[in-house]
Amino acid sequence: MTDIPKLLCYAFLTAGASVPAAGADLEAGRRIASSQCRTCHGLDGIAQMPVAPHLAGESAIYLQTQLKAFRSGTRKSEMMNVVAKDLTDEDIANVAAWYAAIKIRVEMPD
């Protein structure tokens, strides 16, 4: 019985995690990630440098919220404010969907 709460929690947390945002274009998101994000975050969403966060498997809603905050300047980052400033809402939805669609597997230590 102790596994049921864990399974319910997992199901709740992962529900829709890999579902692209409605109307999002994964290929367009891949192109944006390839041209503007891969140097720091990797095309696969695994950060290439220690100061950049991993994006793979992150919630599309979270990624969109953060990119819009960087674009507006309400969230400050010298690099990300520059990168996000020219992204349209559609670009943001597409790149967020790309990174959200990447599947991550976790292996617990023994």
Protein backbone atom coordinates (compact mmCIF):
# COMPACT_ATOMS: atom_id res chain seq x y z
CA MET A 1 0.00 0.00 0.00
CA THR A 2 2.87 2.42 0.57
CA ASP A 3 3.57 2.56 -3.17
CA ILE A 4 0.09 3.86 -4.03
CA PRO A 5 0.71 7.41 -2.70
CA LYS A 6 4.02 7.49 -4.57
CA LEU A 7 2.35 6.35 -7.79
CA LEU A 8 -0.45 8.89 -7.41
CA CYS A 9 2.06 11.67 -6.78
CA TYR A 10 4.10 10.60 -9.80
CA ALA A 11 1.00 10.44 -12.00
CA PHE A 12 -0.07 13.91 -10.88
CA LEU A 13 3.36 15.45 -11.43
CA THR A 14 3.90 13.89 -14.84
CA ALA A 15 0.39 14.29 -16.25
CA GLY A 16 0.78 16.09 -19.54
CA ALA A 17 4.49 16.67 -19.01
CA SER A 18 5.40 15.50 -22.49
CA VAL A 19 2.30 16.80 -24.26
CA PRO A 20 3.17 19.70 -26.57
CA ALA A 21 1.32 22.95 -25.98
CA ALA A 22 -1.80 23.29 -28.10
CA GLY A 23 -0.84 24.47 -31.56
CA ALA A 24 2.88 24.34 -30.82
CA ASP A 25 5.19 23.37 -33.67
CA LEU A 26 7.90 21.05 -32.36
CA GLU A 27 10.02 21.34 -35.51
CA ALA A 28 9.96 25.14 -35.27
CA GLY A 29 10.88 24.81 -31.59
CA ARG A 30 13.76 22.51 -32.53
CA ARG A 31 15.04 25.08 -35.03
CA ILE A 32 14.94 27.85 -32.41
CA ALA A 33 16.63 25.60 -29.85
CA SER A 34 19.27 24.65 -32.42
CA SER A 35 20.05 28.24 -33.36
CA GLN A 36 19.61 30.13 -30.10
CA CYS A 37 19.61 27.76 -27.13
CA ARG A 38 21.96 24.87 -27.81
CA THR A 39 25.21 26.63 -26.88
CA CYS A 40 24.16 26.95 -23.25
CA HIS A 41 21.23 24.55 -22.78
CA GLY A 42 22.00 21.94 -25.45
CA LEU A 43 19.65 20.91 -28.24
CA ASP A 44 18.72 17.95 -26.01
CA GLY A 45 18.03 20.27 -23.07
CA ILE A 46 21.02 19.11 -21.07
CA ALA A 47 23.03 22.20 -20.12
CA GLN A 48 26.42 22.58 -21.72
CA MET A 49 27.80 24.93 -19.10
CA PRO A 50 27.53 24.97 -15.30
CA VAL A 51 25.62 28.27 -15.04
CA ALA A 52 22.83 27.19 -17.42
CA PRO A 53 19.91 25.07 -16.20
CA HIS A 54 18.78 21.85 -17.85
CA LEU A 55 15.57 22.40 -19.84
CA ALA A 56 14.77 18.87 -21.01
CA GLY A 57 11.43 17.65 -19.72
CA GLU A 58 10.62 20.93 -17.98
CA SER A 59 6.99 22.04 -18.05
CA ALA A 60 6.07 24.01 -21.18
CA ILE A 61 4.03 26.41 -19.05
CA TYR A 62 7.03 27.07 -16.79
CA LEU A 63 9.37 27.58 -19.76
CA GLN A 64 6.93 29.95 -21.46
CA THR A 65 6.47 31.95 -18.28
CA GLN A 66 10.21 32.31 -17.77
CA LEU A 67 10.95 33.21 -21.40
CA LYS A 68 8.24 35.87 -21.36
CA ALA A 69 9.65 37.26 -18.10
CA PHE A 70 13.14 37.41 -19.66
CA ARG A 71 11.70 39.06 -22.77
CA SER A 72 9.86 41.73 -20.78
CA GLY A 73 12.80 42.28 -18.44
CA THR A 74 10.87 41.35 -15.29
CA ARG A 75 13.33 38.51 -14.84
CA LYS A 76 16.92 39.64 -15.14
CA SER A 77 19.71 37.76 -16.87
CA GLU A 78 22.20 39.54 -19.08
CA MET A 79 22.28 36.67 -21.57
CA MET A 80 18.64 35.55 -21.46
CA ASN A 81 17.21 39.07 -21.73
CA VAL A 82 19.12 39.46 -25.01
CA VAL A 83 18.16 36.00 -26.31
CA ALA A 84 14.46 36.34 -25.45
CA LYS A 85 13.90 39.94 -26.54
CA ASP A 86 13.14 39.10 -30.17
CA LEU A 87 11.13 35.92 -29.55
CA THR A 88 7.45 36.12 -30.43
CA ASP A 89 4.77 34.41 -28.32
CA GLU A 90 4.64 31.73 -31.02
CA ASP A 91 8.43 31.24 -30.89
CA ILE A 92 8.25 30.92 -27.11
CA ALA A 93 5.42 28.37 -27.29
CA ASN A 94 7.33 26.35 -29.89
CA VAL A 95 10.67 26.24 -28.10
CA ALA A 96 8.96 25.53 -24.77
CA ALA A 97 7.07 22.65 -26.39
CA TRP A 98 10.33 21.30 -27.86
CA TYR A 99 12.12 21.16 -24.51
CA ALA A 100 9.01 19.92 -22.67
CA ALA A 101 8.64 17.04 -25.14
CA ILE A 102 12.10 15.65 -24.37
CA LYS A 103 11.78 12.61 -22.13
CA ILE A 104 13.99 12.31 -19.07
CA ARG A 105 14.58 9.07 -17.23
CA VAL A 106 15.55 9.01 -13.57
CA GLU A 107 17.40 6.22 -11.89
CA MET A 108 17.38 6.17 -8.11
CA PRO A 109 20.50 5.00 -6.31
CA ASP A 110 20.33 1.71 -4.40
